[in-house]
C-alpha cells in the first residue's frame, strides 16, 4: 500500500513540476514577443526561412503549434508542415471502429488547432518526403525541393502497418471505406483469428466477441502473457477479461503463414485453427527510412532515431535537426500520445529559442506517468493502468460511450465534434 501511495505522490509532484515549467515558458515567450516589437518590420527583401516539420500526428502537430504561436511577430521564420493525410487520425479508437462503426469520428479536420497564429506563418503541404539533404527536403509527389533552416522529424511509427493499428489511407473517404470493409469482414466471419496480444489485438478481439458472441474468436500471441510490455497485474486482468468474454487465447505461439488455406491457419508448432478471417496486429515500425541518406549512423537497428536530451538528432553535424514522437529513440517501452505531445512541446521550445538567437536548453526525460493506458475489454468495460516498473495501479470502469473518447479528442484539437466540411479533403498544397 505504501508503494502505491508513493506512486501517486510521485505522479502529483511531476504534474506540479510540469505546470511550473509551462508557466515559466509562457513568461519567457511573452518577453520574447514584447522584445520583438522594437525590431523594424519585415520587408519584401527579407529572406523567409523555413522550419520544416515532417508529420502532423500528435508530436508534429504540437510542435507546429508551439513554434508558430511563440515565434515573435516580426520573425523571418515560417513553419512548413509536410503531411500526406487530409485529416488527423485518432488511432486509439481504430480497434473499436473496426467492429462497431462510427468510423467518421476517427478523422479529425486539420487546421483549427493552429487558429490564431499570424497570417502566413504556417504552410501546409500535402505530400510525402522522398529524401532529406543537409539543407532541404525533397517531396515525393510534387518533386518540390523545400529548403530549411530547422528540420523536425515527427513521422511516428506504423510503416506498412494496417488496421486495426493504423489506417493505410491519406484521405478521409479512403479511410472510412477501409474501416467499413473491416466491419463487414468481421461481421461475416465465423472464425476470427487475431494475431498479436498488444493493446490493438486485445481490444479488437474483445470488441468482436462482445458484439458477436456467436462467433469463435481466437487471439494468438507469441509471448507468455498478453500486454507483455506492461506489468503482471494488467496482464492478468486483460487475460481474465478475454476469458470472461469467451475469447480463446493461445500464448507462446506464432502463425506459420498469413494465408488461410482450406478454412484454417497453421501455427508454427504445426497446430491448425479454423479461420475465415485473419487480422494481424503486429509489426509497427518507425518511419525513418527517408533519413538513411542524411544520418545513417543515427538510425537504430529497430528504425528509431537516436537523439540528444534536447531531442536534437544524435549527430554533431546536424544541430538544426530535431526528432520527436514514436520515431525518436528516447527510451520509452510503450510510446503514446502523452509522451509524443510532451516531446513536441520540448522541440517547439528549443526551436523557438534557437531561431531567436538562443540555445536549445530544454530536455526531455521519459516519465513513467506518461504511460497511463486505458485498455477496453469489450464494449462496456475498460481498465486504466499506470506503473513505474515496480509498482502498478489499475482500476476498472464501465464504458458508456461506444465511440470512447472521440468527442474529447476533437475538442482537444479545437474542432467541434463532429463537424467536418471536408475542406481539408480538397485542400491544395
Foldseek 3Di string as FASTA:
>chain_A
DVVVVVVVVVVVVVVVVVVVVVVVLVVVLVVQQVVCVPPDADDPPDAAAEAEEEDCELQRVLLVQLQQARFHPRFSYAYEYEAQALFHAQLVLLLLLLADNPLLLRGFGPDLLNPPGDPPRYHYANFHFQADALFWTATDPVRDIGGHPFYEYEQAKAVVHDPPRDDPDRYSVSSSVVSVVSNVQLVPWQEEEEEAQEQSRLQNQLASCQVPVNHAYEYEYQAPFRNVLDDPVVRVVSVVLCVVSPHHYHYNWAWPDPDQDPQWTAIPVGDIDGTPHYHYPDDMAADAPSHCVPCVVQADPRGAGEADQLQAGPDPVRRRYGYAFNSHDQPDPDTDSQRSNVNSNSNSSQNSQVSVPHHSDDGDHDDQVSVWDWGDRYQFKIKTWTDDVPDIDIDMGTDDDSSGCSQVVNVVSVHHPPDDPCVSSVDHD
